[in-house]
Amino acid sequence: MPTIPADRVETLPKIPGRALAFCFALILAAVSMRAIAEESYKLGVALGFTGTGKSYSQEALRGIELAVDEINAMGGLLGKHRIELIVENTRTNAEIAGKVARKLVERDAVRAVIGTYSSASALAIKPILRDARVLHIATVSNSEDITKLEFSPYTFSVVPNTYMMSKALVVGAAGLARQNGWKTYVTVASDYAWGRSNQEIQVSLMTELAPGVKLIGSYWPPLGEKAFNAFIVGTMKLAPDFILASLAGSDNEYWMRDGRDYGLFRRIPSPGALISLVELERDAKLMPRGIYGRTRAPFFAHLDVPMMKAFVDAYRARHDRYPSDWAVMSYDGVHALRQGVEAAGDIDNEGVRAALTGATIETTRGRHTFREIDNQLSVSAYFGRIGDDPVYPFPIYVDLTELKGPDIWRPTAEIRAARAR
């Protein structure tokens, strides 16, 4: 180590101990500020990559990854906080989803979680994230109870919820009932939070909008059902004029498979089944043309929105396919979070939460606003007829009705009444 020549010692400036300590404090503060400025933003993803939600969850992750890559290519959130994705599999199981949420909070220290598939799983993780003050963006699960009951100011939904989707369905089905003289119907709904919520709302709204149409039977296949034979046979014995089905993921796949085998859909119309791009692509050859379905975020309905056009182009360039509803909504979820951070000017959760509450944001589906009473985004729901379009190698909705969020979401007075019970 070099030494200072004795004849130069007296020429060195003498720094008082207090001043020296202050200098060190400034240096440490500068280093600390630089570390904060370069801090990554840990974003958790909790989806059901096994179980009935596998296909939807895989699509959702593709949308999330594309949005994250776009933001990181610009330096990250606010141009300086790169997003670090931490992806976990809930296995489409509410108990496992709760464990996953705790791991993401306690071990991984995430600031936000996107997820999950299955409303039961979303309801399981909501209180955990609320207690930890971690943001929760629902981009797949859509039970109305996620935002209606036991409200969490940290949970935001960018999906048309079960009330919104059910009202869109009932408006369409009631119109078809009047047109075709239908008088009776049967419901088939998965026996868990999402299916129960859908069925209850649909029956209530059908009574209101089409009082002359009567429910004559209800079937409740368990989540993860793979053989719908008994439910189909029972339905055919009742011989209703139409069926309202609330099934999703692989449950919907098996229901449609067994229904085709029995010739169910040729004998009994099933308007309003959940038919997203996943089903349209997968069952392109077998999908009956002319049937009516409902969907949550069809890309082809919004190609006039620049953000959607850019997303579709980027998604196709990466995956050589069109984005499903699940990819669209999850992509929007990440960019909703980005816009909340930008409005807050910081990645602190309290500031971002406050900035998103009541905020109007840009999405691939247009400009929408989070309603303050429940943090539900004012997105649309869609009902229409399936048919071919020469532009696409799969059927799409050729007769599509878009029902705007504010026209179909539950009135705020009813939400307040439900919370007061």
Protein backbone atom coordinates (compact mmCIF):
# COMPACT_ATOMS: atom_id res chain seq x y z
CA MET A 1 0.00 0.00 0.00
CA PRO A 2 1.53 3.39 -0.95
CA THR A 3 2.47 5.72 1.91
CA ILE A 4 2.35 9.51 2.10
CA PRO A 5 5.77 11.17 2.21
CA ALA A 6 6.44 12.74 5.60
CA ASP A 7 7.22 16.13 4.09
CA ARG A 8 3.76 16.30 2.58
CA VAL A 9 1.67 15.31 5.57
CA GLU A 10 1.15 18.91 6.68
CA THR A 11 -0.17 19.90 3.24
CA LEU A 12 -3.13 17.47 3.37
CA PRO A 13 -6.47 19.09 4.24
CA LYS A 14 -7.80 18.20 7.63
CA ILE A 15 -11.47 17.09 7.58
CA PRO A 16 -13.30 17.20 10.90
CA GLY A 17 -14.80 13.90 11.99
CA ARG A 18 -18.39 15.20 11.77
CA ALA A 19 -17.87 16.49 8.22
CA LEU A 20 -16.26 13.21 7.22
CA ALA A 21 -19.25 11.29 8.54
CA PHE A 22 -21.56 13.60 6.58
CA CYS A 23 -19.62 12.91 3.38
CA PHE A 24 -19.93 9.19 3.92
CA ALA A 25 -23.65 9.61 4.52
CA LEU A 26 -24.01 11.45 1.21
CA ILE A 27 -22.13 8.71 -0.61
CA LEU A 28 -24.29 6.01 0.96
CA ALA A 29 -27.45 7.94 0.13
CA ALA A 30 -26.37 8.30 -3.48
CA VAL A 31 -25.67 4.58 -3.73
CA SER A 32 -29.01 3.79 -2.09
CA MET A 33 -30.92 6.10 -4.47
CA ARG A 34 -29.23 4.48 -7.43
CA ALA A 35 -30.23 1.02 -6.17
CA ILE A 36 -33.87 2.15 -5.79
CA ALA A 37 -33.88 3.68 -9.26
CA GLU A 38 -32.65 0.42 -10.73
CA GLU A 39 -34.92 -1.84 -8.69
CA SER A 40 -36.74 -4.44 -10.78
CA TYR A 41 -40.51 -4.74 -10.59
CA LYS A 42 -41.45 -8.26 -9.50
CA LEU A 43 -44.68 -9.31 -11.17
CA GLY A 44 -46.26 -12.60 -10.13
CA VAL A 45 -48.32 -14.73 -12.51
CA ALA A 46 -50.64 -17.33 -10.95
CA LEU A 47 -52.42 -19.42 -13.60
CA GLY A 48 -53.70 -22.96 -13.98
CA PHE A 49 -51.21 -24.56 -16.35
CA THR A 50 -52.56 -28.01 -15.49
CA GLY A 51 -56.17 -29.03 -15.03
CA THR A 52 -59.18 -27.66 -16.87
CA GLY A 53 -57.63 -24.19 -17.23
CA LYS A 54 -54.52 -25.34 -19.09
CA SER A 55 -55.30 -23.99 -22.58
CA TYR A 56 -56.64 -20.62 -21.41
CA SER A 57 -53.74 -20.14 -19.00
CA GLN A 58 -51.11 -20.87 -21.62
CA GLU A 59 -52.72 -18.29 -23.89
CA ALA A 60 -52.86 -15.77 -21.05
CA LEU A 61 -49.15 -16.21 -20.33
CA ARG A 62 -48.28 -15.52 -23.97
CA GLY A 63 -50.13 -12.21 -23.78
CA ILE A 64 -48.43 -11.33 -20.48
CA GLU A 65 -44.96 -12.15 -21.80
CA LEU A 66 -45.44 -10.05 -24.92
CA ALA A 67 -46.56 -7.02 -22.90
CA VAL A 68 -43.66 -7.42 -20.47
CA ASP A 69 -41.14 -7.69 -23.30
CA GLU A 70 -42.52 -4.51 -24.88
CA ILE A 71 -42.23 -2.59 -21.61
CA ASN A 72 -38.75 -3.92 -20.83
CA ALA A 73 -37.59 -3.00 -24.32
CA MET A 74 -38.32 0.60 -23.30
CA GLY A 75 -36.21 0.25 -20.16
CA GLY A 76 -38.98 -1.09 -17.96
CA LEU A 77 -41.71 0.70 -16.00
CA LEU A 78 -41.03 4.44 -15.99
CA GLY A 79 -38.04 3.62 -18.21
CA LYS A 80 -36.00 2.25 -15.30
CA HIS A 81 -37.78 -0.60 -13.50
CA ARG A 82 -37.47 -3.75 -15.56
CA ILE A 83 -40.29 -6.23 -14.97
CA GLU A 84 -39.22 -9.58 -13.57
CA LEU A 85 -41.86 -12.26 -14.16
CA ILE A 86 -42.34 -14.98 -11.54
CA VAL A 87 -44.70 -17.61 -12.94
CA GLU A 88 -46.50 -20.16 -10.76
CA ASN A 89 -48.96 -22.98 -11.51
CA THR A 90 -52.13 -23.04 -9.39
CA ARG A 91 -53.10 -26.36 -10.99
CA THR A 92 -56.65 -24.97 -11.26
CA ASN A 93 -57.05 -25.68 -7.56
CA ALA A 94 -58.16 -23.06 -5.03
CA GLU A 95 -56.16 -24.51 -2.12
CA ILE A 96 -52.97 -24.62 -4.18
CA ALA A 97 -53.70 -21.13 -5.49
CA GLY A 98 -53.68 -19.85 -1.91
CA LYS A 99 -50.30 -21.46 -1.26
CA VAL A 100 -48.96 -20.00 -4.50
CA ALA A 101 -50.14 -16.52 -3.51
CA ARG A 102 -48.41 -16.75 -0.14
CA LYS A 103 -45.19 -17.88 -1.79
CA LEU A 104 -45.30 -15.01 -4.26
CA VAL A 105 -45.86 -12.53 -1.44
CA GLU A 106 -43.61 -13.91 1.29
CA ARG A 107 -40.70 -15.46 -0.61
CA ASP A 108 -40.68 -13.61 -3.91
CA ALA A 109 -41.83 -10.20 -2.63
CA VAL A 110 -43.92 -9.44 -5.72
CA ARG A 111 -45.63 -6.09 -6.07
CA ALA A 112 -48.53 -7.39 -8.16
CA VAL A 113 -50.09 -10.69 -9.23
CA ILE A 114 -51.94 -11.43 -12.45
CA GLY A 115 -54.35 -14.32 -12.18
CA THR A 116 -55.82 -16.70 -12.01
CA TYR A 117 -57.84 -19.31 -13.90
CA SER A 118 -60.91 -20.54 -11.99
CA SER A 119 -62.89 -18.01 -10.03
CA ALA A 120 -62.59 -20.19 -6.93
CA SER A 121 -58.81 -19.74 -7.17
CA ALA A 122 -59.14 -16.00 -7.72
CA LEU A 123 -61.37 -15.70 -4.67
CA ALA A 124 -58.82 -17.70 -2.67
CA ILE A 125 -55.89 -15.43 -3.49
CA LYS A 126 -57.78 -12.13 -3.17
CA PRO A 127 -57.72 -11.81 0.65
CA ILE A 128 -54.08 -12.91 0.81
CA LEU A 129 -53.04 -10.20 -1.62
CA ARG A 130 -55.30 -7.64 0.04
CA ASP A 131 -53.78 -8.27 3.47
CA ALA A 132 -50.28 -7.98 1.97
CA ARG A 133 -51.27 -4.85 0.03
CA VAL A 134 -50.22 -6.47 -3.21
CA LEU A 135 -52.01 -5.48 -6.41
CA HIS A 136 -54.19 -8.15 -8.02
CA ILE A 137 -55.14 -7.89 -11.70
CA ALA A 138 -57.85 -10.38 -12.73
CA THR A 139 -57.47 -11.12 -16.44
CA VAL A 140 -59.06 -14.58 -16.83
CA SER A 141 -61.34 -15.44 -13.88
CA ASN A 142 -64.51 -13.37 -13.96
CA SER A 143 -66.89 -14.32 -11.16
CA GLU A 144 -68.69 -11.13 -10.19
CA ASP A 145 -67.92 -11.89 -6.54
CA ILE A 146 -64.22 -11.21 -7.16
CA THR A 147 -65.00 -7.49 -7.13
CA LYS A 148 -68.56 -7.32 -5.76
CA LEU A 149 -68.30 -8.96 -2.34
CA GLU A 150 -65.67 -8.49 0.39
CA PHE A 151 -64.26 -5.70 -1.72
CA SER A 152 -60.49 -5.38 -1.99
CA PRO A 153 -59.14 -2.00 -3.13
CA TYR A 154 -56.11 -3.88 -4.48
CA THR A 155 -58.07 -6.10 -6.90
CA PHE A 156 -58.86 -4.81 -10.40
CA SER A 157 -60.72 -6.72 -13.12
CA VAL A 158 -60.12 -6.20 -16.85
CA VAL A 159 -62.55 -9.04 -17.75
CA PRO A 160 -66.30 -8.66 -18.35
CA ASN A 161 -67.61 -10.31 -15.18
CA THR A 162 -70.26 -13.00 -14.87
CA TYR A 163 -73.08 -10.49 -14.53
CA MET A 164 -71.95 -8.62 -17.64
CA MET A 165 -71.45 -11.80 -19.67
CA SER A 166 -74.74 -13.26 -18.44
CA LYS A 167 -76.70 -10.15 -19.29
CA ALA A 168 -75.20 -10.12 -22.78
CA LEU A 169 -76.18 -13.77 -23.14
CA VAL A 170 -79.72 -13.28 -21.84
CA VAL A 171 -80.33 -10.24 -24.05
CA GLY A 172 -79.32 -12.35 -27.05
CA ALA A 173 -81.13 -15.53 -25.95
CA ALA A 174 -84.31 -13.68 -25.03
CA GLY A 175 -84.36 -12.15 -28.50
CA LEU A 176 -83.94 -15.58 -30.08
CA ALA A 177 -86.68 -16.98 -27.82
CA ARG A 178 -89.12 -14.33 -29.05
CA GLN A 179 -88.05 -14.92 -32.64
CA ASN A 180 -88.35 -18.72 -32.45
CA GLY A 181 -91.20 -19.11 -29.98
CA TRP A 182 -89.06 -20.86 -27.35
CA LYS A 183 -90.81 -21.41 -24.01
CA THR A 184 -88.56 -23.73 -21.96
CA TYR A 185 -84.85 -24.09 -21.22
CA VAL A 186 -82.31 -26.07 -19.22
CA THR A 187 -79.06 -24.84 -17.66
CA VAL A 188 -75.79 -26.79 -17.54
CA ALA A 189 -73.14 -25.08 -15.40
CA SER A 190 -69.87 -26.14 -13.75
CA ASP A 191 -70.37 -26.68 -10.03
CA TYR A 192 -68.04 -24.01 -8.63
CA ALA A 193 -68.01 -20.24 -8.10
CA TRP A 194 -67.97 -19.20 -11.76
CA GLY A 195 -70.64 -21.65 -12.94
CA ARG A 196 -72.91 -21.03 -9.94
CA SER A 197 -72.63 -17.27 -10.38
CA ASN A 198 -73.37 -17.50 -14.10
CA GLN A 199 -76.39 -19.74 -13.67
CA GLU A 200 -77.93 -17.69 -10.86
CA ILE A 201 -77.59 -14.43 -12.78
CA GLN A 202 -78.84 -15.92 -16.05
CA VAL A 203 -81.97 -17.40 -14.48
CA SER A 204 -82.73 -14.13 -12.69
CA LEU A 205 -82.25 -12.03 -15.82
CA MET A 206 -84.19 -14.47 -18.00
CA THR A 207 -87.12 -14.17 -15.60
CA GLU A 208 -86.87 -10.39 -15.90
CA LEU A 209 -86.32 -10.07 -19.65
CA ALA A 210 -88.32 -13.08 -20.88
CA PRO A 211 -90.91 -13.91 -18.18
CA GLY A 212 -92.74 -16.30 -20.48
CA VAL A 213 -89.71 -18.60 -20.77
CA LYS A 214 -89.49 -21.21 -18.01
CA LEU A 215 -86.51 -23.07 -16.51
CA ILE A 216 -87.35 -26.82 -16.41
CA GLY A 217 -84.03 -28.32 -15.33
CA SER A 218 -80.53 -27.53 -14.01
CA TYR A 219 -77.43 -29.71 -14.22
CA TRP A 220 -74.21 -29.19 -12.23
CA PRO A 221 -71.24 -31.18 -13.60
CA PRO A 222 -68.19 -30.88 -11.33
CA LEU A 223 -65.23 -28.78 -12.40
CA GLY A 224 -62.94 -31.01 -14.44
CA GLU A 225 -65.73 -33.28 -15.74
CA LYS A 226 -64.64 -35.35 -18.75
CA ALA A 227 -67.79 -37.35 -19.54
CA PHE A 228 -71.04 -35.42 -20.06
CA ASN A 229 -73.10 -38.37 -21.27
CA ALA A 230 -75.46 -38.46 -18.28
CA PHE A 231 -76.07 -34.71 -18.39
CA ILE A 232 -76.77 -34.84 -22.12
CA VAL A 233 -79.15 -37.79 -21.84
CA GLY A 234 -81.00 -36.08 -19.00
CA THR A 235 -81.30 -32.88 -20.99
CA MET A 236 -82.59 -34.68 -24.07
CA LYS A 237 -85.26 -36.43 -21.96
CA LEU A 238 -86.50 -33.07 -20.69
CA ALA A 239 -86.62 -31.83 -24.31
CA PRO A 240 -86.24 -28.10 -23.62
CA ASP A 241 -86.49 -25.55 -26.40
CA PHE A 242 -82.89 -24.44 -25.69
CA ILE A 243 -79.92 -24.84 -23.34
CA LEU A 244 -77.91 -22.21 -21.51
CA ALA A 245 -74.46 -23.67 -20.83
CA SER A 246 -71.85 -22.16 -18.49
CA LEU A 247 -68.76 -24.30 -19.07
CA ALA A 248 -65.20 -23.24 -19.84
CA GLY A 249 -61.76 -24.64 -20.57
CA SER A 250 -61.48 -28.38 -21.07
CA ASP A 251 -64.94 -28.84 -19.48
CA ASN A 252 -66.39 -26.92 -22.42
CA GLU A 253 -64.28 -28.96 -24.83
CA TYR A 254 -65.62 -32.28 -23.52
CA TRP A 255 -69.18 -30.94 -23.39
CA MET A 256 -69.05 -29.90 -27.04
CA ARG A 257 -67.38 -33.19 -28.02
CA ASP A 258 -70.02 -35.32 -26.30
CA GLY A 259 -72.81 -33.05 -27.48
CA ARG A 260 -71.74 -33.52 -31.10
CA ASP A 261 -71.53 -37.28 -30.63
CA TYR A 262 -75.12 -37.39 -29.36
CA GLY A 263 -76.37 -34.95 -31.99
CA LEU A 264 -77.46 -32.70 -29.13
CA PHE A 265 -76.89 -29.36 -30.84
CA ARG A 266 -78.84 -30.43 -33.95
CA ARG A 267 -81.85 -31.24 -31.77
CA ILE A 268 -81.65 -28.56 -29.08
CA PRO A 269 -80.13 -25.09 -29.66
CA SER A 270 -77.52 -23.97 -27.14
CA PRO A 271 -77.22 -20.23 -27.70
CA GLY A 272 -74.58 -18.43 -25.70
CA ALA A 273 -72.10 -21.17 -24.93
CA LEU A 274 -68.67 -19.73 -24.14
CA ILE A 275 -66.88 -19.95 -27.50
CA SER A 276 -63.59 -18.07 -27.50
CA LEU A 277 -60.89 -18.11 -30.15
CA VAL A 278 -59.44 -21.21 -28.48
CA GLU A 279 -62.58 -23.17 -29.39
CA LEU A 280 -62.94 -21.52 -32.80
CA GLU A 281 -59.40 -22.55 -33.78
CA ARG A 282 -59.29 -25.95 -32.12
CA ASP A 283 -62.70 -27.07 -33.44
CA ALA A 284 -62.54 -25.23 -36.77
CA LYS A 285 -63.74 -28.22 -38.80
CA LEU A 286 -66.31 -29.51 -36.32
CA MET A 287 -67.74 -26.22 -35.03
CA PRO A 288 -71.39 -26.01 -36.17
CA ARG A 289 -71.93 -22.93 -38.32
CA GLY A 290 -74.94 -20.83 -37.47
CA ILE A 291 -74.91 -21.49 -33.73
CA TYR A 292 -74.86 -18.57 -31.30
CA GLY A 293 -72.17 -18.08 -28.67
CA ARG A 294 -70.68 -15.53 -26.32
CA THR A 295 -67.12 -14.42 -25.88
CA ARG A 296 -65.08 -11.96 -23.84
CA ALA A 297 -62.46 -10.22 -25.99
CA PRO A 298 -62.44 -11.20 -29.69
CA PHE A 299 -59.51 -9.57 -31.46
CA PHE A 300 -61.41 -9.28 -34.75
CA ALA A 301 -63.99 -6.97 -33.15
CA HIS A 302 -61.40 -4.24 -32.51
CA LEU A 303 -58.88 -4.22 -35.34
CA ASP A 304 -59.75 -0.54 -35.80
CA VAL A 305 -58.09 0.17 -32.43
CA PRO A 306 -54.37 0.88 -33.07
CA MET A 307 -53.31 -0.88 -29.88
CA MET A 308 -55.17 -4.05 -30.93
CA LYS A 309 -53.76 -3.95 -34.47
CA ALA A 310 -50.21 -3.61 -33.13
CA PHE A 311 -50.78 -6.39 -30.61
CA VAL A 312 -52.17 -8.80 -33.21
CA ASP A 313 -49.24 -8.11 -35.53
CA ALA A 314 -46.68 -8.64 -32.75
CA TYR A 315 -48.44 -11.76 -31.47
CA ARG A 316 -48.62 -13.32 -34.93
CA ALA A 317 -44.96 -12.51 -35.58
CA ARG A 318 -43.98 -14.32 -32.38
CA HIS A 319 -46.42 -17.25 -32.33
CA ASP A 320 -47.59 -17.59 -35.95
CA ARG A 321 -51.23 -17.52 -34.83
CA TYR A 322 -53.92 -15.07 -33.80
CA PRO A 323 -54.31 -14.09 -30.13
CA SER A 324 -57.16 -15.62 -28.14
CA ASP A 325 -59.45 -13.68 -25.82
CA TRP A 326 -57.28 -14.86 -22.91
CA ALA A 327 -54.11 -13.46 -24.48
CA VAL A 328 -55.89 -10.17 -25.25
CA MET A 329 -57.19 -9.65 -21.71
CA SER A 330 -53.92 -10.62 -20.06
CA TYR A 331 -51.95 -8.32 -22.36
CA ASP A 332 -54.35 -5.55 -21.38
CA GLY A 333 -53.85 -6.40 -17.70
CA VAL A 334 -50.11 -5.78 -17.87
CA HIS A 335 -50.58 -2.51 -19.73
CA ALA A 336 -53.23 -1.44 -17.22
CA LEU A 337 -50.62 -1.91 -14.51
CA ARG A 338 -48.08 0.05 -16.58
CA GLN A 339 -50.50 2.96 -16.94
CA GLY A 340 -51.18 2.92 -13.21
CA VAL A 341 -47.44 3.15 -12.50
CA GLU A 342 -47.06 5.98 -15.01
CA ALA A 343 -49.96 7.90 -13.48
CA ALA A 344 -48.50 7.43 -10.00
CA GLY A 345 -44.98 8.30 -11.15
CA ASP A 346 -43.66 5.57 -8.90
CA ILE A 347 -43.86 1.79 -8.38
CA ASP A 348 -45.10 2.09 -4.79
CA ASN A 349 -48.25 -0.02 -4.51
CA GLU A 350 -50.31 2.54 -2.60
CA GLY A 351 -49.67 5.17 -5.24
CA VAL A 352 -50.40 2.77 -8.11
CA ARG A 353 -53.59 1.53 -6.45
CA ALA A 354 -54.80 5.08 -5.95
CA ALA A 355 -53.90 5.99 -9.53
CA LEU A 356 -55.83 3.02 -10.98
CA THR A 357 -58.95 3.62 -8.88
CA GLY A 358 -61.45 5.32 -11.20
CA ALA A 359 -58.79 5.62 -13.91
CA THR A 360 -59.48 5.66 -17.63
CA ILE A 361 -56.95 3.54 -19.51
CA GLU A 362 -56.12 2.55 -23.07
CA THR A 363 -56.62 -1.11 -23.97
CA THR A 364 -56.67 -3.22 -27.11
CA ARG A 365 -60.47 -3.03 -26.80
CA GLY A 366 -60.53 0.76 -26.70
CA ARG A 367 -60.56 3.29 -23.89
CA HIS A 368 -62.21 2.07 -20.68
CA THR A 369 -62.66 3.18 -17.07
CA PHE A 370 -62.38 1.34 -13.76
CA ARG A 371 -65.63 1.85 -11.84
CA GLU A 372 -64.74 3.07 -8.37
CA ILE A 373 -67.25 1.00 -6.43
CA ASP A 374 -65.78 -2.33 -7.56
CA ASN A 375 -62.66 -1.69 -9.71
CA GLN A 376 -64.43 -3.36 -12.65
CA LEU A 377 -63.22 -2.11 -16.04
CA SER A 378 -65.99 -0.92 -18.38
CA VAL A 379 -65.18 -3.49 -21.08
CA SER A 380 -67.76 -5.01 -23.41
CA ALA A 381 -69.22 -8.50 -23.67
CA TYR A 382 -70.06 -10.12 -27.02
CA PHE A 383 -72.87 -12.32 -28.36
CA GLY A 384 -73.24 -13.53 -31.91
CA ARG A 385 -73.51 -16.18 -34.61
CA ILE A 386 -70.64 -18.41 -35.72
CA GLY A 387 -69.76 -18.49 -39.40
CA ASP A 388 -66.92 -18.53 -41.90
CA ASP A 389 -64.87 -15.55 -43.03
CA PRO A 390 -62.47 -15.88 -45.99
CA VAL A 391 -59.86 -13.83 -44.11
CA TYR A 392 -59.35 -16.48 -41.43
CA PRO A 393 -58.64 -20.23 -41.50
CA PHE A 394 -61.20 -20.76 -38.71
CA PRO A 395 -64.79 -19.63 -38.11
CA ILE A 396 -65.44 -16.36 -36.29
CA TYR A 397 -68.48 -14.42 -35.15
CA VAL A 398 -69.92 -13.13 -38.43
CA ASP A 399 -72.95 -11.60 -36.73
CA LEU A 400 -71.48 -10.10 -33.57
CA THR A 401 -73.23 -7.83 -31.09
CA GLU A 402 -71.03 -5.83 -28.73
CA LEU A 403 -72.75 -4.92 -25.48
CA LYS A 404 -70.98 -2.03 -23.74
CA GLY A 405 -69.88 -2.41 -20.15
CA PRO A 406 -71.94 0.42 -18.63
CA ASP A 407 -75.07 -1.02 -20.30
CA ILE A 408 -74.68 -4.50 -18.84
CA TRP A 409 -72.86 -4.26 -15.51
CA ARG A 410 -74.75 -4.56 -12.23
CA PRO A 411 -76.21 -1.29 -10.91
CA THR A 412 -74.19 0.23 -8.09
CA ALA A 413 -77.25 0.24 -5.79
CA GLU A 414 -77.41 -3.56 -6.04
CA ILE A 415 -73.72 -3.86 -5.22
CA ARG A 416 -74.14 -1.71 -2.11
CA ALA A 417 -77.15 -3.78 -1.06
CA ALA A 418 -75.23 -7.04 -1.54
CA ARG A 419 -72.34 -5.77 0.60
CA ALA A 420 -74.72 -4.62 3.34
CA ARG A 421 -76.21 -8.09 3.84
